[in-house]
Amino acid sequence: MAFRVGIISDTHGLLRPEAERALAGVGHIIHAGDIGEPNIIATLRKIAPVTAIRGNVDAGAWSVEHAETEVVRLAEKVVYVLHDLKSLNIDPVARGIDVVVSGHSHEPKIQTIDGVLYVNPGSAGRRRFKLPITLATLDLTPDGIWPRIHDLEVG
């Protein structure tokens, strides 16, 4: 049985109905920063438990409840969350991390390096340049981790 994790980033204060629909039914949500407004996390918590970190645009009293990085264990997998992958200052392999989740670039990307899965869900908020509006899911199973990027503008 798969445990599905929704991954969203760079909402910048805009939680699209398409994103809420895409996240319906997940067991956990990770927000990789640039939340923009505290009500975003409150709304996501109505869908599933949330792990959220602070991004570079998150300021103000509400944002201090979110750390700059988080480690969360889900379905026996260890996930490290930070906003800007360029600021990664740990060795995920040495720390036993299975997945590194980041945002910031607004560019969706999935890659595996040294056995560690790196996922950037892209941006689910306001469009930046001509980049797509996306989020990601991870299906965590005993047999592996199955990532997928979801384009929120496709029917």
N, C-alpha and C. Protein backbone atom coordinates (compact mmCIF):
# COMPACT_ATOMS: atom_id res chain seq x y z
N MET A 1 0.84 -1.19 0.00
CA MET A 1 0.00 0.00 0.00
C MET A 1 0.88 1.24 0.00
N ALA A 2 0.60 2.17 -0.86
CA ALA A 2 1.39 3.39 -0.97
C ALA A 2 0.89 4.45 0.01
N PHE A 3 1.83 5.17 0.56
CA PHE A 3 1.53 6.36 1.35
C PHE A 3 1.85 7.55 0.46
N ARG A 4 0.85 8.35 0.15
CA ARG A 4 1.04 9.47 -0.79
C ARG A 4 1.32 10.76 -0.02
N VAL A 5 2.38 11.43 -0.45
CA VAL A 5 2.78 12.73 0.11
C VAL A 5 2.60 13.77 -0.98
N GLY A 6 1.93 14.86 -0.64
CA GLY A 6 1.82 15.99 -1.55
C GLY A 6 2.93 16.98 -1.27
N ILE A 7 3.55 17.49 -2.33
CA ILE A 7 4.64 18.46 -2.16
C ILE A 7 4.28 19.71 -2.96
N ILE A 8 4.30 20.84 -2.26
CA ILE A 8 3.94 22.11 -2.88
C ILE A 8 4.97 23.15 -2.44
N SER A 9 5.17 24.15 -3.27
CA SER A 9 6.13 25.20 -2.94
C SER A 9 5.76 26.48 -3.66
N ASP A 10 6.33 27.56 -3.17
CA ASP A 10 6.24 28.86 -3.84
C ASP A 10 4.81 29.26 -4.18
N THR A 11 3.94 29.14 -3.17
CA THR A 11 2.56 29.58 -3.36
C THR A 11 2.46 31.11 -3.33
N HIS A 12 3.38 31.76 -2.65
CA HIS A 12 3.42 33.23 -2.60
C HIS A 12 2.03 33.83 -2.29
N GLY A 13 1.32 33.20 -1.35
CA GLY A 13 0.03 33.73 -0.92
C GLY A 13 -1.15 33.29 -1.75
N LEU A 14 -0.93 32.45 -2.76
CA LEU A 14 -2.02 31.99 -3.63
C LEU A 14 -2.11 30.47 -3.59
N LEU A 15 -3.20 29.95 -3.00
CA LEU A 15 -3.45 28.51 -3.03
C LEU A 15 -4.57 28.28 -4.03
N ARG A 16 -4.21 27.80 -5.19
CA ARG A 16 -5.17 27.58 -6.27
C ARG A 16 -6.11 26.42 -5.94
N PRO A 17 -7.38 26.52 -6.36
CA PRO A 17 -8.31 25.39 -6.18
C PRO A 17 -7.79 24.12 -6.85
N GLU A 18 -7.08 24.27 -7.96
CA GLU A 18 -6.51 23.10 -8.64
C GLU A 18 -5.49 22.39 -7.76
N ALA A 19 -4.74 23.17 -6.99
CA ALA A 19 -3.76 22.58 -6.07
C ALA A 19 -4.47 21.83 -4.95
N GLU A 20 -5.52 22.43 -4.42
CA GLU A 20 -6.28 21.76 -3.35
C GLU A 20 -6.87 20.44 -3.86
N ARG A 21 -7.39 20.45 -5.08
CA ARG A 21 -7.95 19.21 -5.65
C ARG A 21 -6.86 18.17 -5.86
N ALA A 22 -5.69 18.60 -6.33
CA ALA A 22 -4.59 17.66 -6.58
C ALA A 22 -4.06 17.05 -5.29
N LEU A 23 -4.19 17.76 -4.18
CA LEU A 23 -3.69 17.27 -2.90
C LEU A 23 -4.74 16.46 -2.12
N ALA A 24 -5.97 16.48 -2.56
CA ALA A 24 -7.03 15.73 -1.86
C ALA A 24 -6.65 14.27 -1.76
N GLY A 25 -6.75 13.72 -0.55
CA GLY A 25 -6.49 12.30 -0.35
C GLY A 25 -5.06 11.95 0.02
N VAL A 26 -4.13 12.93 0.02
CA VAL A 26 -2.76 12.62 0.43
C VAL A 26 -2.72 12.39 1.94
N GLY A 27 -1.71 11.67 2.39
CA GLY A 27 -1.56 11.40 3.82
C GLY A 27 -0.77 12.47 4.56
N HIS A 28 0.01 13.26 3.81
CA HIS A 28 0.84 14.31 4.40
C HIS A 28 1.16 15.32 3.31
N ILE A 29 1.33 16.58 3.70
CA ILE A 29 1.70 17.62 2.75
C ILE A 29 3.00 18.27 3.22
N ILE A 30 3.91 18.47 2.27
CA ILE A 30 5.14 19.22 2.54
C ILE A 30 5.06 20.52 1.74
N HIS A 31 5.26 21.65 2.43
CA HIS A 31 5.35 22.94 1.75
C HIS A 31 6.80 23.39 1.86
N ALA A 32 7.47 23.55 0.70
CA ALA A 32 8.90 23.84 0.66
C ALA A 32 9.21 25.34 0.63
N GLY A 33 8.37 26.15 1.23
CA GLY A 33 8.69 27.55 1.45
C GLY A 33 8.15 28.53 0.43
N ASP A 34 8.34 29.82 0.74
CA ASP A 34 7.68 30.92 0.05
C ASP A 34 6.17 30.71 0.10
N ILE A 35 5.71 30.54 1.32
CA ILE A 35 4.29 30.32 1.61
C ILE A 35 3.50 31.59 1.26
N GLY A 36 3.97 32.72 1.77
CA GLY A 36 3.37 34.00 1.43
C GLY A 36 2.34 34.51 2.42
N GLU A 37 1.47 33.65 2.92
CA GLU A 37 0.41 34.04 3.85
C GLU A 37 0.14 32.87 4.80
N PRO A 38 -0.12 33.14 6.08
CA PRO A 38 -0.34 32.04 7.04
C PRO A 38 -1.59 31.22 6.73
N ASN A 39 -2.59 31.82 6.07
CA ASN A 39 -3.82 31.07 5.79
C ASN A 39 -3.58 29.92 4.82
N ILE A 40 -2.49 29.96 4.06
CA ILE A 40 -2.16 28.86 3.14
C ILE A 40 -1.98 27.57 3.93
N ILE A 41 -1.18 27.64 5.00
CA ILE A 41 -0.91 26.44 5.80
C ILE A 41 -2.18 25.99 6.52
N ALA A 42 -2.96 26.93 7.02
CA ALA A 42 -4.22 26.57 7.68
C ALA A 42 -5.14 25.81 6.73
N THR A 43 -5.21 26.25 5.49
CA THR A 43 -6.05 25.57 4.49
C THR A 43 -5.49 24.19 4.17
N LEU A 44 -4.18 24.10 4.00
CA LEU A 44 -3.57 22.79 3.71
C LEU A 44 -3.79 21.81 4.85
N ARG A 45 -3.80 22.30 6.10
CA ARG A 45 -4.00 21.42 7.26
C ARG A 45 -5.40 20.82 7.29
N LYS A 46 -6.34 21.41 6.55
CA LYS A 46 -7.67 20.82 6.45
C LYS A 46 -7.66 19.60 5.53
N ILE A 47 -6.62 19.49 4.72
CA ILE A 47 -6.49 18.36 3.79
C ILE A 47 -5.72 17.21 4.44
N ALA A 48 -4.59 17.54 5.09
CA ALA A 48 -3.71 16.52 5.68
C ALA A 48 -2.73 17.21 6.63
N PRO A 49 -2.04 16.45 7.48
CA PRO A 49 -0.98 17.06 8.30
C PRO A 49 0.07 17.71 7.39
N VAL A 50 0.67 18.80 7.87
CA VAL A 50 1.59 19.59 7.05
C VAL A 50 2.94 19.76 7.74
N THR A 51 3.99 19.60 6.95
CA THR A 51 5.34 20.02 7.33
C THR A 51 5.66 21.18 6.41
N ALA A 52 5.93 22.35 6.98
CA ALA A 52 6.21 23.53 6.17
C ALA A 52 7.45 24.24 6.68
N ILE A 53 8.23 24.75 5.74
CA ILE A 53 9.41 25.52 6.09
C ILE A 53 9.28 26.93 5.54
N ARG A 54 10.10 27.82 6.08
CA ARG A 54 10.10 29.22 5.71
C ARG A 54 10.97 29.42 4.48
N GLY A 55 10.48 30.19 3.51
CA GLY A 55 11.26 30.56 2.33
C GLY A 55 11.75 31.98 2.43
N ASN A 56 12.46 32.44 1.43
CA ASN A 56 13.06 33.77 1.48
C ASN A 56 12.05 34.91 1.46
N VAL A 57 10.82 34.69 1.00
CA VAL A 57 9.82 35.77 1.03
C VAL A 57 8.93 35.71 2.27
N ASP A 58 9.09 34.68 3.08
CA ASP A 58 8.25 34.53 4.27
C ASP A 58 8.83 35.36 5.42
N ALA A 59 8.10 36.43 5.76
CA ALA A 59 8.55 37.34 6.81
C ALA A 59 7.36 37.68 7.68
N GLY A 60 7.64 38.26 8.80
CA GLY A 60 6.57 38.65 9.71
C GLY A 60 6.42 37.65 10.84
N ALA A 61 5.63 38.04 11.82
CA ALA A 61 5.48 37.24 13.03
C ALA A 61 4.99 35.83 12.75
N TRP A 62 4.07 35.68 11.79
CA TRP A 62 3.51 34.36 11.50
C TRP A 62 4.56 33.37 11.00
N SER A 63 5.61 33.85 10.32
CA SER A 63 6.56 32.95 9.68
C SER A 63 7.54 32.31 10.65
N VAL A 64 7.69 32.87 11.86
CA VAL A 64 8.69 32.33 12.79
C VAL A 64 8.34 30.93 13.29
N GLU A 65 7.09 30.52 13.14
CA GLU A 65 6.74 29.16 13.55
C GLU A 65 7.29 28.11 12.59
N HIS A 66 7.79 28.55 11.45
CA HIS A 66 8.35 27.64 10.45
C HIS A 66 9.87 27.77 10.42
N ALA A 67 10.55 26.64 10.58
CA ALA A 67 12.02 26.62 10.53
C ALA A 67 12.49 26.77 9.09
N GLU A 68 13.78 26.96 8.91
CA GLU A 68 14.35 27.05 7.57
C GLU A 68 14.55 25.67 6.94
N THR A 69 14.67 24.65 7.79
CA THR A 69 14.76 23.27 7.30
C THR A 69 13.97 22.38 8.25
N GLU A 70 13.54 21.25 7.73
CA GLU A 70 12.84 20.25 8.56
C GLU A 70 13.26 18.86 8.09
N VAL A 71 13.24 17.93 9.00
CA VAL A 71 13.40 16.52 8.67
C VAL A 71 12.12 15.83 9.12
N VAL A 72 11.51 15.08 8.23
CA VAL A 72 10.27 14.38 8.56
C VAL A 72 10.39 12.93 8.10
N ARG A 73 9.93 12.02 8.96
CA ARG A 73 9.93 10.60 8.62
C ARG A 73 8.50 10.22 8.25
N LEU A 74 8.34 9.70 7.04
CA LEU A 74 7.03 9.30 6.54
C LEU A 74 7.15 7.92 5.93
N ALA A 75 6.34 6.98 6.38
CA ALA A 75 6.33 5.62 5.84
C ALA A 75 7.74 5.04 5.76
N GLU A 76 8.49 5.18 6.85
CA GLU A 76 9.85 4.63 6.96
C GLU A 76 10.87 5.30 6.05
N LYS A 77 10.52 6.43 5.45
CA LYS A 77 11.45 7.19 4.60
C LYS A 77 11.78 8.51 5.31
N VAL A 78 13.01 8.97 5.14
CA VAL A 78 13.44 10.21 5.76
C VAL A 78 13.51 11.29 4.69
N VAL A 79 12.78 12.40 4.93
CA VAL A 79 12.68 13.49 3.97
C VAL A 79 13.27 14.75 4.61
N TYR A 80 14.19 15.38 3.91
CA TYR A 80 14.81 16.63 4.34
C TYR A 80 14.23 17.74 3.48
N VAL A 81 13.71 18.80 4.12
CA VAL A 81 13.04 19.89 3.42
C VAL A 81 13.80 21.18 3.64
N LEU A 82 14.10 21.88 2.55
CA LEU A 82 14.69 23.21 2.60
C LEU A 82 14.15 24.00 1.42
N HIS A 83 14.33 25.31 1.44
CA HIS A 83 13.75 26.11 0.37
C HIS A 83 14.64 26.16 -0.87
N ASP A 84 15.87 26.58 -0.69
CA ASP A 84 16.78 26.76 -1.82
C ASP A 84 17.83 25.65 -1.79
N LEU A 85 17.81 24.79 -2.77
CA LEU A 85 18.74 23.66 -2.82
C LEU A 85 20.19 24.12 -2.76
N LYS A 86 20.47 25.33 -3.26
CA LYS A 86 21.85 25.85 -3.23
C LYS A 86 22.35 26.05 -1.80
N SER A 87 21.44 26.11 -0.83
CA SER A 87 21.86 26.29 0.57
C SER A 87 21.98 24.96 1.32
N LEU A 88 21.89 23.84 0.62
CA LEU A 88 22.04 22.53 1.26
C LEU A 88 23.45 22.42 1.83
N ASN A 89 23.55 22.30 3.15
CA ASN A 89 24.86 22.26 3.78
C ASN A 89 25.07 21.00 4.62
N ILE A 90 24.35 19.95 4.27
CA ILE A 90 24.54 18.65 4.92
C ILE A 90 24.81 17.62 3.83
N ASP A 91 25.29 16.46 4.23
CA ASP A 91 25.48 15.35 3.31
C ASP A 91 24.29 14.41 3.49
N PRO A 92 23.33 14.43 2.54
CA PRO A 92 22.14 13.60 2.70
C PRO A 92 22.46 12.10 2.79
N VAL A 93 23.46 11.64 2.08
CA VAL A 93 23.83 10.22 2.11
C VAL A 93 24.31 9.85 3.52
N ALA A 94 25.21 10.66 4.07
CA ALA A 94 25.74 10.39 5.41
C ALA A 94 24.66 10.45 6.48
N ARG A 95 23.65 11.27 6.27
CA ARG A 95 22.55 11.42 7.24
C ARG A 95 21.44 10.39 7.05
N GLY A 96 21.56 9.54 6.04
CA GLY A 96 20.52 8.53 5.81
C GLY A 96 19.23 9.10 5.26
N ILE A 97 19.33 10.20 4.54
CA ILE A 97 18.14 10.84 3.98
C ILE A 97 17.77 10.19 2.66
N ASP A 98 16.49 9.89 2.49
CA ASP A 98 15.99 9.25 1.27
C ASP A 98 15.59 10.27 0.22
N VAL A 99 15.01 11.41 0.66
CA VAL A 99 14.47 12.41 -0.26
C VAL A 99 14.86 13.80 0.24
N VAL A 100 15.32 14.65 -0.69
CA VAL A 100 15.53 16.06 -0.41
C VAL A 100 14.50 16.83 -1.20
N VAL A 101 13.69 17.62 -0.49
CA VAL A 101 12.65 18.44 -1.12
C VAL A 101 13.07 19.89 -1.04
N SER A 102 13.00 20.59 -2.16
CA SER A 102 13.31 22.02 -2.19
C SER A 102 12.33 22.73 -3.10
N GLY A 103 12.39 24.05 -3.08
CA GLY A 103 11.56 24.88 -3.95
C GLY A 103 12.43 25.97 -4.55
N HIS A 104 11.98 27.19 -4.45
CA HIS A 104 12.71 28.41 -4.79
C HIS A 104 12.86 28.70 -6.28
N SER A 105 13.27 27.73 -7.07
CA SER A 105 13.57 28.00 -8.49
C SER A 105 12.31 28.13 -9.34
N HIS A 106 11.19 27.65 -8.83
CA HIS A 106 9.92 27.60 -9.56
C HIS A 106 9.97 26.60 -10.72
N GLU A 107 11.06 25.85 -10.84
CA GLU A 107 11.21 24.88 -11.93
C GLU A 107 11.03 23.47 -11.38
N PRO A 108 10.01 22.74 -11.84
CA PRO A 108 9.83 21.38 -11.36
C PRO A 108 10.98 20.49 -11.82
N LYS A 109 11.45 19.64 -10.90
CA LYS A 109 12.58 18.77 -11.23
C LYS A 109 12.60 17.56 -10.32
N ILE A 110 12.88 16.41 -10.93
CA ILE A 110 13.06 15.17 -10.18
C ILE A 110 14.37 14.57 -10.65
N GLN A 111 15.27 14.28 -9.71
CA GLN A 111 16.51 13.62 -10.08
C GLN A 111 17.03 12.80 -8.90
N THR A 112 17.83 11.80 -9.21
CA THR A 112 18.45 10.99 -8.18
C THR A 112 19.95 11.17 -8.28
N ILE A 113 20.57 11.49 -7.13
CA ILE A 113 22.02 11.67 -7.06
C ILE A 113 22.52 10.84 -5.88
N ASP A 114 23.46 9.95 -6.15
CA ASP A 114 24.04 9.08 -5.11
C ASP A 114 22.96 8.35 -4.31
N GLY A 115 21.89 7.92 -4.98
CA GLY A 115 20.83 7.17 -4.32
C GLY A 115 19.83 8.01 -3.56
N VAL A 116 19.99 9.33 -3.56
CA VAL A 116 19.05 10.24 -2.89
C VAL A 116 18.17 10.88 -3.94
N LEU A 117 16.86 10.84 -3.71
CA LEU A 117 15.90 11.46 -4.63
C LEU A 117 15.77 12.94 -4.28
N TYR A 118 15.92 13.80 -5.29
CA TYR A 118 15.75 15.24 -5.13
C TYR A 118 14.48 15.64 -5.88
N VAL A 119 13.58 16.33 -5.17
CA VAL A 119 12.31 16.74 -5.77
C VAL A 119 12.10 18.23 -5.54
N ASN A 120 11.88 18.94 -6.64
CA ASN A 120 11.42 20.32 -6.59
C ASN A 120 10.06 20.31 -7.28
N PRO A 121 8.98 20.61 -6.53
CA PRO A 121 7.65 20.53 -7.12
C PRO A 121 7.32 21.66 -8.09
N GLY A 122 8.24 22.62 -8.23
CA GLY A 122 7.94 23.81 -9.04
C GLY A 122 7.08 24.77 -8.22
N SER A 123 6.41 25.66 -8.90
CA SER A 123 5.61 26.67 -8.24
C SER A 123 4.13 26.42 -8.46
N ALA A 124 3.37 26.45 -7.35
CA ALA A 124 1.92 26.30 -7.45
C ALA A 124 1.21 27.64 -7.29
N GLY A 125 1.97 28.70 -7.13
CA GLY A 125 1.38 30.03 -6.92
C GLY A 125 1.31 30.82 -8.21
N ARG A 126 1.64 32.09 -8.08
CA ARG A 126 1.58 32.97 -9.26
C ARG A 126 2.65 32.57 -10.27
N ARG A 127 2.30 32.69 -11.55
CA ARG A 127 3.23 32.31 -12.61
C ARG A 127 4.46 33.20 -12.58
N ARG A 128 5.61 32.58 -12.80
CA ARG A 128 6.87 33.30 -12.92
C ARG A 128 7.42 33.03 -14.31
N PHE A 129 7.64 34.07 -15.05
CA PHE A 129 8.12 33.95 -16.43
C PHE A 129 7.16 33.03 -17.19
N LYS A 130 7.68 32.04 -17.91
CA LYS A 130 6.82 31.11 -18.64
C LYS A 130 6.85 29.72 -18.02
N LEU A 131 7.22 29.65 -16.74
CA LEU A 131 7.32 28.36 -16.06
C LEU A 131 5.92 27.81 -15.78
N PRO A 132 5.80 26.47 -15.75
CA PRO A 132 4.49 25.86 -15.50
C PRO A 132 4.04 26.04 -14.05
N ILE A 133 2.76 25.82 -13.83
CA ILE A 133 2.15 25.84 -12.50
C ILE A 133 2.03 24.37 -12.09
N THR A 134 2.82 23.96 -11.08
CA THR A 134 2.91 22.54 -10.75
C THR A 134 3.00 22.29 -9.25
N LEU A 135 2.78 21.04 -8.89
CA LEU A 135 3.13 20.50 -7.59
C LEU A 135 3.55 19.06 -7.82
N ALA A 136 3.93 18.37 -6.75
CA ALA A 136 4.41 17.00 -6.91
C ALA A 136 3.74 16.09 -5.88
N THR A 137 3.79 14.80 -6.17
CA THR A 137 3.42 13.80 -5.18
C THR A 137 4.52 12.76 -5.13
N LEU A 138 4.62 12.12 -3.97
CA LEU A 138 5.51 10.98 -3.78
C LEU A 138 4.65 9.83 -3.28
N ASP A 139 4.73 8.70 -3.94
CA ASP A 139 4.11 7.50 -3.42
C ASP A 139 5.22 6.70 -2.74
N LEU A 140 5.11 6.54 -1.43
CA LEU A 140 6.09 5.81 -0.66
C LEU A 140 5.57 4.39 -0.46
N THR A 141 6.33 3.42 -0.94
CA THR A 141 5.94 2.02 -0.83
C THR A 141 7.12 1.22 -0.28
N PRO A 142 6.87 -0.01 0.16
CA PRO A 142 7.99 -0.85 0.59
C PRO A 142 8.99 -1.11 -0.56
N ASP A 143 8.52 -0.99 -1.80
CA ASP A 143 9.37 -1.26 -2.96
C ASP A 143 10.12 -0.04 -3.46
N GLY A 144 9.81 1.16 -2.96
CA GLY A 144 10.51 2.34 -3.44
C GLY A 144 9.71 3.60 -3.28
N ILE A 145 10.24 4.64 -3.89
CA ILE A 145 9.65 5.98 -3.84
C ILE A 145 9.32 6.37 -5.28
N TRP A 146 8.09 6.75 -5.51
CA TRP A 146 7.62 7.02 -6.86
C TRP A 146 7.16 8.47 -6.96
N PRO A 147 8.03 9.35 -7.48
CA PRO A 147 7.68 10.77 -7.59
C PRO A 147 6.93 11.09 -8.87
N ARG A 148 6.14 12.15 -8.83
CA ARG A 148 5.42 12.58 -10.02
C ARG A 148 5.16 14.09 -9.94
N ILE A 149 5.38 14.77 -11.04
CA ILE A 149 5.05 16.20 -11.15
C ILE A 149 3.64 16.30 -11.75
N HIS A 150 2.81 17.16 -11.16
CA HIS A 150 1.45 17.37 -11.65
C HIS A 150 1.32 18.79 -12.21
N ASP A 151 0.96 18.90 -13.47
CA ASP A 151 0.73 20.19 -14.08
C ASP A 151 -0.68 20.62 -13.74
N LEU A 152 -0.84 21.71 -13.02
CA LEU A 152 -2.14 22.16 -12.56
C LEU A 152 -2.97 22.85 -13.64
N GLU A 153 -2.39 23.05 -14.80
CA GLU A 153 -3.10 23.72 -15.88
C GLU A 153 -3.63 22.73 -16.93
N VAL A 154 -3.39 21.45 -16.71
CA VAL A 154 -3.88 20.43 -17.64
C VAL A 154 -5.13 19.81 -17.03
N GLY A 155 -6.23 19.82 -17.79
CA GLY A 155 -7.51 19.27 -17.38
C GLY A 155 -7.37 18.22 -16.37
